[in-house]
C-alpha atoms as a PDB file:
ATOM      1  CA  UNK A   1     113.085  85.958 115.922  1.00  0.00           C
ATOM      2  CA  UNK A   2     115.459  84.054 113.609  1.00  0.00           C
ATOM      3  CA  UNK A   3     114.702  80.745 115.327  1.00  0.00           C
ATOM      4  CA  UNK A   4     110.976  81.488 115.045  1.00  0.00           C
ATOM      5  CA  UNK A   5     111.375  82.137 111.288  1.00  0.00           C
ATOM      6  CA  UNK A   6     113.329  78.910 110.816  1.00  0.00           C
ATOM      7  CA  UNK A   7     110.689  76.909 112.686  1.00  0.00           C
ATOM      8  CA  UNK A   8     107.880  78.581 110.717  1.00  0.00           C
ATOM      9  CA  UNK A   9     109.640  77.766 107.427  1.00  0.00           C
ATOM     10  CA  UNK A  10     110.292  74.196 108.591  1.00  0.00           C
ATOM     11  CA  UNK A  11     106.584  73.684 109.335  1.00  0.00           C
ATOM     12  CA  UNK A  12     105.437  75.438 106.143  1.00  0.00           C
ATOM     13  CA  UNK A  13     107.696  73.330 103.910  1.00  0.00           C
ATOM     14  CA  UNK A  14     106.861  70.207 105.915  1.00  0.00           C
ATOM     15  CA  UNK A  15     107.956  67.066 104.103  1.00  0.00           C
ATOM     16  CA  UNK A  16     108.678  68.832 100.775  1.00  0.00           C
ATOM     17  CA  UNK A  17     111.829  67.534  99.146  1.00  0.00           C
ATOM     18  CA  UNK A  18     114.318  69.340  96.923  1.00  0.00           C
ATOM     19  CA  UNK A  19     113.595  68.699  93.253  1.00  0.00           C
ATOM     20  CA  UNK A  20     116.735  66.733  92.459  1.00  0.00           C
ATOM     21  CA  UNK A  21     117.488  64.965  95.723  1.00  0.00           C
ATOM     22  CA  UNK A  22     115.903  63.288  98.703  1.00  0.00           C
ATOM     23  CA  UNK A  23     116.915  66.220 100.876  1.00  0.00           C
ATOM     24  CA  UNK A  24     114.211  67.977 102.894  1.00  0.00           C
ATOM     25  CA  UNK A  25     113.435  71.342 101.303  1.00  0.00           C
ATOM     26  CA  UNK A  26     114.150  73.272 104.514  1.00  0.00           C
ATOM     27  CA  UNK A  27     117.872  72.556 104.064  1.00  0.00           C
ATOM     28  CA  UNK A  28     117.939  75.011 101.138  1.00  0.00           C
ATOM     29  CA  UNK A  29     116.606  78.044 103.091  1.00  0.00           C
ATOM     30  CA  UNK A  30     118.938  77.126 105.946  1.00  0.00           C
ATOM     31  CA  UNK A  31     121.938  77.254 103.580  1.00  0.00           C
ATOM     32  CA  UNK A  32     120.716  80.530 102.069  1.00  0.00           C
ATOM     33  CA  UNK A  33     120.470  82.050 105.568  1.00  0.00           C
ATOM     34  CA  UNK A  34     123.938  80.777 106.477  1.00  0.00           C
ATOM     35  CA  UNK A  35     125.349  82.330 103.310  1.00  0.00           C
ATOM     36  CA  UNK A  36     123.700  85.652 104.142  1.00  0.00           C
ATOM     37  CA  UNK A  37     125.222  85.433 107.651  1.00  0.00           C
ATOM     38  CA  UNK A  38     128.718  85.475 106.104  1.00  0.00           C
ATOM     39  CA  UNK A  39     128.276  89.096 104.975  1.00  0.00           C
ATOM     40  CA  UNK A  40     126.818  92.274 106.435  1.00  0.00           C
ATOM     41  CA  UNK A  41     123.184  91.476 107.341  1.00  0.00           C
ATOM     42  CA  UNK A  42     120.281  92.193 109.655  1.00  0.00           C
ATOM     43  CA  UNK A  43     118.031  89.889 111.679  1.00  0.00           C
ATOM     44  CA  UNK A  44     115.240  90.678 109.218  1.00  0.00           C
ATOM     45  CA  UNK A  45     117.429  89.510 106.322  1.00  0.00           C
ATOM     46  CA  UNK A  46     118.135  86.189 108.051  1.00  0.00           C
ATOM     47  CA  UNK A  47     114.432  85.701 108.765  1.00  0.00           C
ATOM     48  CA  UNK A  48     113.581  86.489 105.134  1.00  0.00           C
ATOM     49  CA  UNK A  49     116.282  84.074 103.959  1.00  0.00           C
ATOM     50  CA  UNK A  50     114.596  81.291 105.934  1.00  0.00           C
ATOM     51  CA  UNK A  51     111.189  82.342 104.609  1.00  0.00           C
ATOM     52  CA  UNK A  52     112.123  83.278 101.036  1.00  0.00           C
ATOM     53  CA  UNK A  53     110.288  80.362  99.367  1.00  0.00           C
ATOM     54  CA  UNK A  54     107.311  79.926 101.702  1.00  0.00           C
ATOM     55  CA  UNK A  55     104.873  82.188  99.864  1.00  0.00           C
ATOM     56  CA  UNK A  56     105.986  80.841  96.479  1.00  0.00           C
ATOM     57  CA  UNK A  57     106.000  77.127  97.378  1.00  0.00           C
ATOM     58  CA  UNK A  58     103.463  76.638 100.181  1.00  0.00           C
ATOM     59  CA  UNK A  59      99.919  77.830 101.011  1.00  0.00           C
ATOM     60  CA  UNK A  60     101.313  80.591 103.294  1.00  0.00           C
ATOM     61  CA  UNK A  61     100.236  84.122 102.304  1.00  0.00           C
ATOM     62  CA  UNK A  62     102.340  87.264 102.646  1.00  0.00           C
ATOM     63  CA  UNK A  63      99.851  88.651 105.194  1.00  0.00           C
ATOM     64  CA  UNK A  64     100.681  85.804 107.569  1.00  0.00           C
ATOM     65  CA  UNK A  65     104.382  86.626 107.266  1.00  0.00           C
ATOM     66  CA  UNK A  66     103.583  90.280 108.018  1.00  0.00           C
ATOM     67  CA  UNK A  67     101.548  89.372 111.130  1.00  0.00           C
ATOM     68  CA  UNK A  68     104.155  86.977 112.517  1.00  0.00           C
ATOM     69  CA  UNK A  69     107.398  88.725 111.529  1.00  0.00           C
ATOM     70  CA  UNK A  70     106.593  92.362 110.803  1.00  0.00           C
ATOM     71  CA  UNK A  71     106.575  94.648 107.801  1.00  0.00           C
ATOM     72  CA  UNK A  72     110.300  94.559 106.980  1.00  0.00           C
ATOM     73  CA  UNK A  73     110.547  90.753 106.845  1.00  0.00           C
ATOM     74  CA  UNK A  74     107.302  90.603 104.843  1.00  0.00           C
ATOM     75  CA  UNK A  75     108.618  93.229 102.426  1.00  0.00           C
ATOM     76  CA  UNK A  76     111.802  91.211 101.830  1.00  0.00           C
ATOM     77  CA  UNK A  77     109.883  87.964 101.361  1.00  0.00           C
ATOM     78  CA  UNK A  78     107.519  89.677  98.949  1.00  0.00           C
ATOM     79  CA  UNK A  79     110.459  91.059  96.946  1.00  0.00           C
ATOM     80  CA  UNK A  80     111.934  87.534  96.784  1.00  0.00           C
ATOM     81  CA  UNK A  81     108.678  85.888  95.698  1.00  0.00           C
ATOM     82  CA  UNK A  82     108.354  85.490  91.940  1.00  0.00           C
ATOM     83  CA  UNK A  83     105.594  87.693  90.586  1.00  0.00           C
ATOM     84  CA  UNK A  84     105.639  86.464  86.993  1.00  0.00           C
ATOM     85  CA  UNK A  85     104.428  82.899  87.480  1.00  0.00           C
ATOM     86  CA  UNK A  86     102.406  80.757  85.088  1.00  0.00           C
ATOM     87  CA  UNK A  87      99.289  80.925  87.265  1.00  0.00           C
ATOM     88  CA  UNK A  88      99.183  84.726  87.117  1.00  0.00           C
ATOM     89  CA  UNK A  89     100.525  85.142  83.573  1.00  0.00           C
ATOM     90  CA  UNK A  90      99.490  82.082  81.548  1.00  0.00           C
ATOM     91  CA  UNK A  91      99.680  84.092  78.321  1.00  0.00           C
ATOM     92  CA  UNK A  92     103.445  84.638  78.765  1.00  0.00           C
ATOM     93  CA  UNK A  93     105.918  81.864  77.927  1.00  0.00           C
ATOM     94  CA  UNK A  94     108.686  80.963  80.387  1.00  0.00           C
ATOM     95  CA  UNK A  95     111.295  83.135  78.683  1.00  0.00           C
ATOM     96  CA  UNK A  96     109.073  86.220  78.770  1.00  0.00           C
ATOM     97  CA  UNK A  97     108.056  85.577  82.404  1.00  0.00           C
ATOM     98  CA  UNK A  98     111.709  85.197  83.424  1.00  0.00           C
ATOM     99  CA  UNK A  99     112.673  88.362  81.520  1.00  0.00           C
ATOM    100  CA  UNK A 100     109.908  90.276  83.321  1.00  0.00           C
ATOM    101  CA  UNK A 101     111.104  88.800  86.630  1.00  0.00           C
ATOM    102  CA  UNK A 102     114.646  90.044  85.913  1.00  0.00           C
ATOM    103  CA  UNK A 103     113.263  93.529  85.226  1.00  0.00           C
ATOM    104  CA  UNK A 104     111.320  93.406  88.501  1.00  0.00           C
ATOM    105  CA  UNK A 105     114.230  92.100  90.547  1.00  0.00           C
ATOM    106  CA  UNK A 106     116.481  94.873  89.222  1.00  0.00           C
ATOM    107  CA  UNK A 107     114.372  97.194  91.397  1.00  0.00           C
ATOM    108  CA  UNK A 108     114.231  95.207  94.661  1.00  0.00           C
ATOM    109  CA  UNK A 109     116.045  96.429  97.779  1.00  0.00           C
ATOM    110  CA  UNK A 110     119.741  95.760  98.229  1.00  0.00           C
ATOM    111  CA  UNK A 111     118.899  93.530 101.211  1.00  0.00           C
ATOM    112  CA  UNK A 112     116.621  91.388  99.038  1.00  0.00           C
ATOM    113  CA  UNK A 113     119.290  91.325  96.309  1.00  0.00           C
ATOM    114  CA  UNK A 114     121.789  89.979  98.857  1.00  0.00           C
ATOM    115  CA  UNK A 115     119.393  87.160  99.805  1.00  0.00           C
ATOM    116  CA  UNK A 116     118.669  86.422  96.137  1.00  0.00           C
ATOM    117  CA  UNK A 117     122.405  86.167  95.452  1.00  0.00           C
ATOM    118  CA  UNK A 118     122.693  83.619  98.269  1.00  0.00           C
ATOM    119  CA  UNK A 119     119.793  81.726  96.698  1.00  0.00           C
ATOM    120  CA  UNK A 120     121.581  81.645  93.308  1.00  0.00           C
ATOM    121  CA  UNK A 121     124.799  80.476  95.009  1.00  0.00           C
ATOM    122  CA  UNK A 122     122.953  77.551  96.600  1.00  0.00           C
ATOM    123  CA  UNK A 123     120.759  76.559  93.651  1.00  0.00           C
ATOM    124  CA  UNK A 124     123.221  76.760  90.773  1.00  0.00           C
ATOM    125  CA  UNK A 125     125.606  73.866  91.538  1.00  0.00           C
ATOM    126  CA  UNK A 126     122.643  71.685  92.529  1.00  0.00           C
ATOM    127  CA  UNK A 127     120.857  72.219  89.207  1.00  0.00           C
ATOM    128  CA  UNK A 128     124.028  71.883  87.113  1.00  0.00           C
ATOM    129  CA  UNK A 129     124.909  68.603  88.831  1.00  0.00           C
ATOM    130  CA  UNK A 130     121.453  67.047  89.057  1.00  0.00           C
ATOM    131  CA  UNK A 131     119.649  68.317  85.966  1.00  0.00           C
ATOM    132  CA  UNK A 132     122.169  68.968  83.176  1.00  0.00           C
ATOM    133  CA  UNK A 133     119.407  68.986  80.537  1.00  0.00           C
ATOM    134  CA  UNK A 134     117.714  71.969  82.252  1.00  0.00           C
ATOM    135  CA  UNK A 135     121.062  73.498  83.219  1.00  0.00           C
ATOM    136  CA  UNK A 136     121.625  75.541  80.044  1.00  0.00           C
ATOM    137  CA  UNK A 137     118.227  77.247  80.299  1.00  0.00           C
ATOM    138  CA  UNK A 138     118.648  77.842  84.029  1.00  0.00           C
ATOM    139  CA  UNK A 139     122.167  79.227  83.617  1.00  0.00           C
ATOM    140  CA  UNK A 140     121.028  81.594  80.873  1.00  0.00           C
ATOM    141  CA  UNK A 141     118.296  82.873  83.204  1.00  0.00           C
ATOM    142  CA  UNK A 142     120.718  83.216  86.133  1.00  0.00           C
ATOM    143  CA  UNK A 143     123.259  85.002  83.942  1.00  0.00           C
ATOM    144  CA  UNK A 144     120.649  87.685  83.195  1.00  0.00           C
ATOM    145  CA  UNK A 145     119.446  87.787  86.801  1.00  0.00           C
ATOM    146  CA  UNK A 146     122.813  88.074  88.534  1.00  0.00           C
ATOM    147  CA  UNK A 147     123.713  91.096  86.379  1.00  0.00           C
ATOM    148  CA  UNK A 148     120.778  93.081  87.820  1.00  0.00           C
ATOM    149  CA  UNK A 149     121.566  92.108  91.413  1.00  0.00           C
ATOM    150  CA  UNK A 150     124.310  94.727  91.583  1.00  0.00           C
ATOM    151  CA  UNK A 151     123.729  96.564  94.839  1.00  0.00           C
ATOM    152  CA  UNK A 152     123.444  93.351  96.794  1.00  0.00           C
ATOM    153  CA  UNK A 153     126.467  92.337  98.832  1.00  0.00           C
ATOM    154  CA  UNK A 154     129.544  92.586  96.548  1.00  0.00           C
ATOM    155  CA  UNK A 155     131.144  89.392  97.911  1.00  0.00           C
ATOM    156  CA  UNK A 156     127.990  87.375  97.231  1.00  0.00           C
ATOM    157  CA  UNK A 157     127.595  89.093  93.858  1.00  0.00           C
ATOM    158  CA  UNK A 158     131.059  87.870  92.868  1.00  0.00           C
ATOM    159  CA  UNK A 159     130.346  84.357  94.198  1.00  0.00           C
ATOM    160  CA  UNK A 160     127.020  84.140  92.355  1.00  0.00           C
ATOM    161  CA  UNK A 161     128.623  85.258  89.081  1.00  0.00           C
ATOM    162  CA  UNK A 162     131.377  82.694  89.640  1.00  0.00           C
ATOM    163  CA  UNK A 163     128.848  79.884  90.276  1.00  0.00           C
ATOM    164  CA  UNK A 164     127.027  80.721  87.049  1.00  0.00           C
ATOM    165  CA  UNK A 165     130.301  80.893  85.135  1.00  0.00           C
ATOM    166  CA  UNK A 166     131.530  77.577  86.583  1.00  0.00           C
ATOM    167  CA  UNK A 167     128.166  76.012  85.802  1.00  0.00           C
ATOM    168  CA  UNK A 168     128.523  77.089  82.175  1.00  0.00           C
ATOM    169  CA  UNK A 169     132.014  75.591  82.019  1.00  0.00           C
ATOM    170  CA  UNK A 170     130.793  72.334  83.581  1.00  0.00           C
ATOM    171  CA  UNK A 171     128.106  72.049  80.903  1.00  0.00           C
ATOM    172  CA  UNK A 172     130.431  73.245  78.111  1.00  0.00           C
ATOM    173  CA  UNK A 173     128.420  76.405  77.438  1.00  0.00           C
ATOM    174  CA  UNK A 174     129.748  79.785  76.354  1.00  0.00           C
END
């Protein structure tokens, strides 16, 4: 099932590139899944790690994930998909949307929190290195987010907090 999820994510993301590099987007979910593999995990968690950005960043709907991968994988992907996006909440500014997202993600399952921690671990150094002007805003958002991801894997929690802290040091932030 994991290989099927990877292939589905590869096709869904197609030729999408990472924002700050010429790297194919699929490399990010692959790294997130590999990070999740380093701690206690389930097959469903690995599948959701591969699929964590498909609903948010491609035309794929959560129902398709449910049909192809079952309720548990779909639940995890849904928990990992930002709810408070501009399209749904145009009246909220970015800061308010991100604050609402932090509140929401405080209540997601521990499995989803573990995957989200792996996502933060992969994204943070990339953004700090490749977009230092956005870095301070991003790091402030991740600082708030990582605090509510308690309950996810403790090793990844520590690593995510460390990445955010190191990012702040790299950009000379407090």
